[in-house]
Amino acid sequence: MVGCILFRAQPFHNGHMNMVKKAYEDCKSTNTDLYIFIGSADKSGTVRNPLPINFRRMLIEGALHEQFGVVDLAHIHVVELEDMTDESDNSYSWGRYLFLKMFYHTKDADMTIYYSDRPDIMLNWFDAQDRWCLRFKFLDRFEGISATLVRNIILNDMPVDKYVPPFVNMHIEEIKKYMKEVK
């Protein structure tokens, strides 16, 4: 059994970290590993996806190291995931693609998927053929924080430290640079 989270992290913020902490505690209680899938790994340079995957991965891994330390990080895996079509695809085809990618990396079909969207989205992703071995757990990102909100705060040169982990906050100028280069 494994735990899986999917988010784009454009950029990684405290809402993501809150989900990771809750999911990790849940996984730890059952002695399972947590896999974080960074979605839209093939997208960058746009308003919605300004940050390239190598930079997003570095921000996530740095923030996780800061939060968890080396021992716990042995049980948290960060995996890049390209879009199958586009990020608004909520079809069974997308769910099947996601399930197969998760299975490929985790080597385990028995998984808990942690999510923060509406539950009907999860049901739209996975048909009965895939749902039999999946558990879904809702985790609130808290207080409506979103990457869109964080990007707007950064672009308006407002303090962002209460919205992002300290490690991410150290890289705000780089994030801003990427955001100003979007097409």
C-alpha atoms as a PDB file:
ATOM      1  CA  MET A   1       0.000   0.000   0.000  1.00  0.00           C
ATOM      2  CA  VAL A   2       1.247   3.509  -0.864  1.00  0.00           C
ATOM      3  CA  GLY A   3       0.018   7.095  -0.673  1.00  0.00           C
ATOM      4  CA  CYS A   4      -0.056   9.460  -3.651  1.00  0.00           C
ATOM      5  CA  ILE A   5      -0.563  13.209  -4.056  1.00  0.00           C
ATOM      6  CA  LEU A   6      -0.740  15.092  -7.339  1.00  0.00           C
ATOM      7  CA  PHE A   7      -0.226  18.834  -7.724  1.00  0.00           C
ATOM      8  CA  ARG A   8       1.535  21.176 -10.170  1.00  0.00           C
ATOM      9  CA  ALA A   9       3.328  23.313  -7.549  1.00  0.00           C
ATOM     10  CA  GLN A  10       3.348  26.540  -9.580  1.00  0.00           C
ATOM     11  CA  PRO A  11       4.844  27.367  -7.034  1.00  0.00           C
ATOM     12  CA  PHE A  12       4.910  24.995  -4.062  1.00  0.00           C
ATOM     13  CA  HIS A  13       3.095  26.740  -1.185  1.00  0.00           C
ATOM     14  CA  ASN A  14       1.965  26.151   2.409  1.00  0.00           C
ATOM     15  CA  GLY A  15      -1.293  24.585   1.237  1.00  0.00           C
ATOM     16  CA  HIS A  16       0.714  21.913  -0.579  1.00  0.00           C
ATOM     17  CA  MET A  17       2.942  21.474   2.464  1.00  0.00           C
ATOM     18  CA  ASN A  18      -0.111  21.109   4.696  1.00  0.00           C
ATOM     19  CA  MET A  19      -1.399  18.328   2.449  1.00  0.00           C
ATOM     20  CA  VAL A  20       1.995  16.614   2.385  1.00  0.00           C
ATOM     21  CA  LYS A  21       2.295  16.732   6.190  1.00  0.00           C
ATOM     22  CA  LYS A  22      -1.183  15.242   6.682  1.00  0.00           C
ATOM     23  CA  ALA A  23      -0.678  12.589   4.003  1.00  0.00           C
ATOM     24  CA  TYR A  24       2.738  11.686   5.373  1.00  0.00           C
ATOM     25  CA  GLU A  25       1.366  11.254   8.901  1.00  0.00           C
ATOM     26  CA  ASP A  26      -1.373   9.018   7.500  1.00  0.00           C
ATOM     27  CA  CYS A  27       1.182   6.984   5.537  1.00  0.00           C
ATOM     28  CA  LYS A  28       3.531   6.779   8.500  1.00  0.00           C
ATOM     29  CA  SER A  29       0.736   5.359  10.679  1.00  0.00           C
ATOM     30  CA  THR A  30       0.406   2.439   8.249  1.00  0.00           C
ATOM     31  CA  ASN A  31       4.138   2.166   7.483  1.00  0.00           C
ATOM     32  CA  THR A  32       3.719   3.127   3.830  1.00  0.00           C
ATOM     33  CA  ASP A  33       5.602   5.508   1.557  1.00  0.00           C
ATOM     34  CA  LEU A  34       4.218   8.738   0.114  1.00  0.00           C
ATOM     35  CA  TYR A  35       4.660   9.616  -3.558  1.00  0.00           C
ATOM     36  CA  ILE A  36       4.295  13.225  -4.666  1.00  0.00           C
ATOM     37  CA  PHE A  37       3.541  13.532  -8.372  1.00  0.00           C
ATOM     38  CA  ILE A  38       4.357  16.925  -9.892  1.00  0.00           C
ATOM     39  CA  GLY A  39       1.783  17.352 -12.637  1.00  0.00           C
ATOM     40  CA  SER A  40       2.189  19.242 -15.892  1.00  0.00           C
ATOM     41  CA  ALA A  41       5.892  18.391 -15.822  1.00  0.00           C
ATOM     42  CA  ASP A  42       6.039  19.108 -19.541  1.00  0.00           C
ATOM     43  CA  LYS A  43       4.547  22.605 -19.178  1.00  0.00           C
ATOM     44  CA  SER A  44       6.372  25.858 -18.430  1.00  0.00           C
ATOM     45  CA  GLY A  45       6.694  29.404 -19.651  1.00  0.00           C
ATOM     46  CA  THR A  46       2.966  30.225 -19.543  1.00  0.00           C
ATOM     47  CA  VAL A  47       0.898  32.344 -17.155  1.00  0.00           C
ATOM     48  CA  ARG A  48      -0.631  29.260 -15.497  1.00  0.00           C
ATOM     49  CA  ASN A  49       2.573  27.197 -15.622  1.00  0.00           C
ATOM     50  CA  PRO A  50       5.488  29.647 -15.458  1.00  0.00           C
ATOM     51  CA  LEU A  51       8.026  27.473 -13.635  1.00  0.00           C
ATOM     52  CA  PRO A  52      10.021  24.696 -15.318  1.00  0.00           C
ATOM     53  CA  ILE A  53       9.908  21.241 -13.796  1.00  0.00           C
ATOM     54  CA  ASN A  54      13.531  21.137 -12.626  1.00  0.00           C
ATOM     55  CA  PHE A  55      12.980  24.372 -10.659  1.00  0.00           C
ATOM     56  CA  ARG A  56       9.659  23.166  -9.195  1.00  0.00           C
ATOM     57  CA  ARG A  57      11.260  19.899  -8.157  1.00  0.00           C
ATOM     58  CA  MET A  58      14.132  21.749  -6.473  1.00  0.00           C
ATOM     59  CA  LEU A  59      11.665  23.967  -4.546  1.00  0.00           C
ATOM     60  CA  ILE A  60       9.620  20.969  -3.405  1.00  0.00           C
ATOM     61  CA  GLU A  61      12.612  18.857  -2.386  1.00  0.00           C
ATOM     62  CA  GLY A  62      14.250  21.782  -0.567  1.00  0.00           C
ATOM     63  CA  ALA A  63      11.050  22.603   1.328  1.00  0.00           C
ATOM     64  CA  LEU A  64      10.499  18.935   2.186  1.00  0.00           C
ATOM     65  CA  HIS A  65      14.068  18.576   3.439  1.00  0.00           C
ATOM     66  CA  GLU A  66      13.558  21.650   5.602  1.00  0.00           C
ATOM     67  CA  GLN A  67      10.280  20.236   6.985  1.00  0.00           C
ATOM     68  CA  PHE A  68      11.021  16.533   7.373  1.00  0.00           C
ATOM     69  CA  GLY A  69      14.762  15.957   7.478  1.00  0.00           C
ATOM     70  CA  VAL A  70      16.690  13.095   5.947  1.00  0.00           C
ATOM     71  CA  VAL A  71      15.170  10.150   7.867  1.00  0.00           C
ATOM     72  CA  ASP A  72      11.546  10.879   6.973  1.00  0.00           C
ATOM     73  CA  LEU A  73      12.458  11.888   3.413  1.00  0.00           C
ATOM     74  CA  ALA A  74      13.496   8.302   2.757  1.00  0.00           C
ATOM     75  CA  HIS A  75       9.752   7.563   2.717  1.00  0.00           C
ATOM     76  CA  ILE A  76       8.725  10.508   0.520  1.00  0.00           C
ATOM     77  CA  HIS A  77       9.329  10.246  -3.229  1.00  0.00           C
ATOM     78  CA  VAL A  78       8.972  13.086  -5.740  1.00  0.00           C
ATOM     79  CA  VAL A  79       8.021  12.046  -9.271  1.00  0.00           C
ATOM     80  CA  GLU A  80       7.488  14.153 -12.384  1.00  0.00           C
ATOM     81  CA  LEU A  81       4.283  13.544 -14.360  1.00  0.00           C
ATOM     82  CA  GLU A  82       3.649  14.909 -17.839  1.00  0.00           C
ATOM     83  CA  ASP A  83       0.129  15.793 -18.933  1.00  0.00           C
ATOM     84  CA  MET A  84      -1.584  13.241 -21.132  1.00  0.00           C
ATOM     85  CA  THR A  85      -3.645  15.897 -22.900  1.00  0.00           C
ATOM     86  CA  ASP A  86      -4.206  19.142 -21.008  1.00  0.00           C
ATOM     87  CA  GLU A  87      -4.483  19.835 -17.302  1.00  0.00           C
ATOM     88  CA  SER A  88      -8.255  20.316 -17.445  1.00  0.00           C
ATOM     89  CA  ASP A  89      -8.784  16.739 -18.671  1.00  0.00           C
ATOM     90  CA  ASN A  90     -11.061  15.052 -16.125  1.00  0.00           C
ATOM     91  CA  SER A  91     -11.815  11.922 -18.135  1.00  0.00           C
ATOM     92  CA  TYR A  92     -11.501   8.211 -17.408  1.00  0.00           C
ATOM     93  CA  SER A  93      -8.661   8.183 -19.952  1.00  0.00           C
ATOM     94  CA  TRP A  94      -6.744  10.677 -17.811  1.00  0.00           C
ATOM     95  CA  GLY A  95      -7.486   8.639 -14.675  1.00  0.00           C
ATOM     96  CA  ARG A  96      -6.264   5.463 -16.334  1.00  0.00           C
ATOM     97  CA  TYR A  97      -3.097   7.252 -17.476  1.00  0.00           C
ATOM     98  CA  LEU A  98      -2.550   8.601 -13.933  1.00  0.00           C
ATOM     99  CA  PHE A  99      -3.207   5.211 -12.329  1.00  0.00           C
ATOM    100  CA  LEU A 100      -0.743   3.472 -14.669  1.00  0.00           C
ATOM    101  CA  LYS A 101       1.938   6.131 -14.054  1.00  0.00           C
ATOM    102  CA  MET A 102       1.418   5.868 -10.301  1.00  0.00           C
ATOM    103  CA  PHE A 103       1.573   2.070 -10.468  1.00  0.00           C
ATOM    104  CA  TYR A 104       4.744   2.213 -12.603  1.00  0.00           C
ATOM    105  CA  HIS A 105       6.527   4.335  -9.988  1.00  0.00           C
ATOM    106  CA  THR A 106       5.090   2.832  -6.801  1.00  0.00           C
ATOM    107  CA  LYS A 107       4.978  -0.808  -7.966  1.00  0.00           C
ATOM    108  CA  ASP A 108       1.779  -1.108  -5.936  1.00  0.00           C
ATOM    109  CA  ALA A 109      -1.833  -0.966  -7.166  1.00  0.00           C
ATOM    110  CA  ASP A 110      -3.148  -0.648  -3.596  1.00  0.00           C
ATOM    111  CA  MET A 111      -2.986   3.105  -3.081  1.00  0.00           C
ATOM    112  CA  THR A 112      -4.547   6.000  -1.241  1.00  0.00           C
ATOM    113  CA  ILE A 113      -4.886   9.122  -3.340  1.00  0.00           C
ATOM    114  CA  TYR A 114      -4.915  12.314  -1.299  1.00  0.00           C
ATOM    115  CA  TYR A 115      -6.741  15.205  -2.932  1.00  0.00           C
ATOM    116  CA  SER A 116      -8.037  18.698  -2.214  1.00  0.00           C
ATOM    117  CA  ASP A 117     -10.524  19.152  -5.058  1.00  0.00           C
ATOM    118  CA  ARG A 118     -14.194  18.235  -5.160  1.00  0.00           C
ATOM    119  CA  PRO A 119     -14.784  14.457  -4.705  1.00  0.00           C
ATOM    120  CA  ASP A 120     -16.696  14.215  -7.981  1.00  0.00           C
ATOM    121  CA  ILE A 121     -13.483  15.072  -9.827  1.00  0.00           C
ATOM    122  CA  MET A 122     -11.843  11.929  -8.440  1.00  0.00           C
ATOM    123  CA  LEU A 123     -14.845   9.849  -9.498  1.00  0.00           C
ATOM    124  CA  ASN A 124     -14.643  11.367 -12.995  1.00  0.00           C
ATOM    125  CA  TRP A 125     -10.997  10.323 -13.226  1.00  0.00           C
ATOM    126  CA  PHE A 126     -11.347   6.674 -12.248  1.00  0.00           C
ATOM    127  CA  ASP A 127     -13.891   4.194 -13.541  1.00  0.00           C
ATOM    128  CA  ALA A 128     -14.959   1.094 -11.617  1.00  0.00           C
ATOM    129  CA  GLN A 129     -12.177  -0.985 -13.211  1.00  0.00           C
ATOM    130  CA  ASP A 130      -9.538   1.164 -11.455  1.00  0.00           C
ATOM    131  CA  ARG A 131     -11.421   2.274  -8.326  1.00  0.00           C
ATOM    132  CA  TRP A 132     -11.520  -1.158  -6.725  1.00  0.00           C
ATOM    133  CA  CYS A 133      -7.977  -0.820  -5.382  1.00  0.00           C
ATOM    134  CA  LEU A 134      -8.008   2.928  -4.678  1.00  0.00           C
ATOM    135  CA  ARG A 135      -8.892   4.837  -1.553  1.00  0.00           C
ATOM    136  CA  PHE A 136      -9.476   8.578  -1.662  1.00  0.00           C
ATOM    137  CA  LYS A 137      -8.829  10.918   1.255  1.00  0.00           C
ATOM    138  CA  PHE A 138      -9.719  14.584   1.175  1.00  0.00           C
ATOM    139  CA  LEU A 139      -7.079  16.900   2.652  1.00  0.00           C
ATOM    140  CA  ASP A 140      -7.862  20.580   2.995  1.00  0.00           C
ATOM    141  CA  ARG A 141      -5.110  22.892   1.762  1.00  0.00           C
ATOM    142  CA  PHE A 142      -6.490  25.400   4.338  1.00  0.00           C
ATOM    143  CA  GLU A 143      -7.768  28.946   4.016  1.00  0.00           C
ATOM    144  CA  GLY A 144      -8.249  28.907   0.262  1.00  0.00           C
ATOM    145  CA  ILE A 145      -4.569  29.186  -0.571  1.00  0.00           C
ATOM    146  CA  SER A 146      -3.769  28.457  -4.198  1.00  0.00           C
ATOM    147  CA  ALA A 147      -0.801  28.808  -6.527  1.00  0.00           C
ATOM    148  CA  THR A 148      -2.758  31.442  -8.474  1.00  0.00           C
ATOM    149  CA  LEU A 149      -3.093  33.523  -5.295  1.00  0.00           C
ATOM    150  CA  VAL A 150       0.609  33.094  -4.523  1.00  0.00           C
ATOM    151  CA  ARG A 151       1.630  34.055  -8.072  1.00  0.00           C
ATOM    152  CA  ASN A 152      -0.523  37.204  -7.875  1.00  0.00           C
ATOM    153  CA  ILE A 153       1.025  38.175  -4.530  1.00  0.00           C
ATOM    154  CA  ILE A 154       4.519  37.680  -5.957  1.00  0.00           C
ATOM    155  CA  LEU A 155       3.762  39.700  -9.093  1.00  0.00           C
ATOM    156  CA  ASN A 156       2.396  42.548  -6.972  1.00  0.00           C
ATOM    157  CA  ASP A 157       5.594  42.615  -4.872  1.00  0.00           C
ATOM    158  CA  MET A 158       3.691  41.850  -1.691  1.00  0.00           C
ATOM    159  CA  PRO A 159       5.179  39.775   1.159  1.00  0.00           C
ATOM    160  CA  VAL A 160       4.652  36.110   0.455  1.00  0.00           C
ATOM    161  CA  ASP A 161       6.357  34.553   3.485  1.00  0.00           C
ATOM    162  CA  LYS A 162       3.079  33.541   5.184  1.00  0.00           C
ATOM    163  CA  TYR A 163       2.013  31.641   2.040  1.00  0.00           C
ATOM    164  CA  VAL A 164       5.125  29.632   1.171  1.00  0.00           C
ATOM    165  CA  PRO A 165       7.645  27.519   3.095  1.00  0.00           C
ATOM    166  CA  PRO A 166      10.857  29.347   4.072  1.00  0.00           C
ATOM    167  CA  PHE A 167      12.884  27.482   1.438  1.00  0.00           C
ATOM    168  CA  VAL A 168      10.534  28.639  -1.330  1.00  0.00           C
ATOM    169  CA  ASN A 169      10.552  32.166   0.077  1.00  0.00           C
ATOM    170  CA  MET A 170      14.341  32.256  -0.401  1.00  0.00           C
ATOM    171  CA  HIS A 171      13.735  31.796  -4.151  1.00  0.00           C
ATOM    172  CA  ILE A 172      11.013  34.409  -4.706  1.00  0.00           C
ATOM    173  CA  GLU A 173      13.154  36.557  -6.992  1.00  0.00           C
ATOM    174  CA  GLU A 174      13.838  33.548  -9.249  1.00  0.00           C
ATOM    175  CA  ILE A 175      10.127  32.688  -9.275  1.00  0.00           C
ATOM    176  CA  LYS A 176       9.330  36.292 -10.178  1.00  0.00           C
ATOM    177  CA  LYS A 177      11.866  36.180 -13.011  1.00  0.00           C
ATOM    178  CA  TYR A 178      10.219  33.104 -14.512  1.00  0.00           C
ATOM    179  CA  MET A 179       6.798  34.714 -14.146  1.00  0.00           C
ATOM    180  CA  LYS A 180       7.893  37.834 -15.978  1.00  0.00           C
ATOM    181  CA  GLU A 181       9.170  35.753 -18.906  1.00  0.00           C
ATOM    182  CA  VAL A 182       5.838  34.026 -19.639  1.00  0.00           C
ATOM    183  CA  LYS A 183       4.275  33.975 -23.085  1.00  0.00           C
END
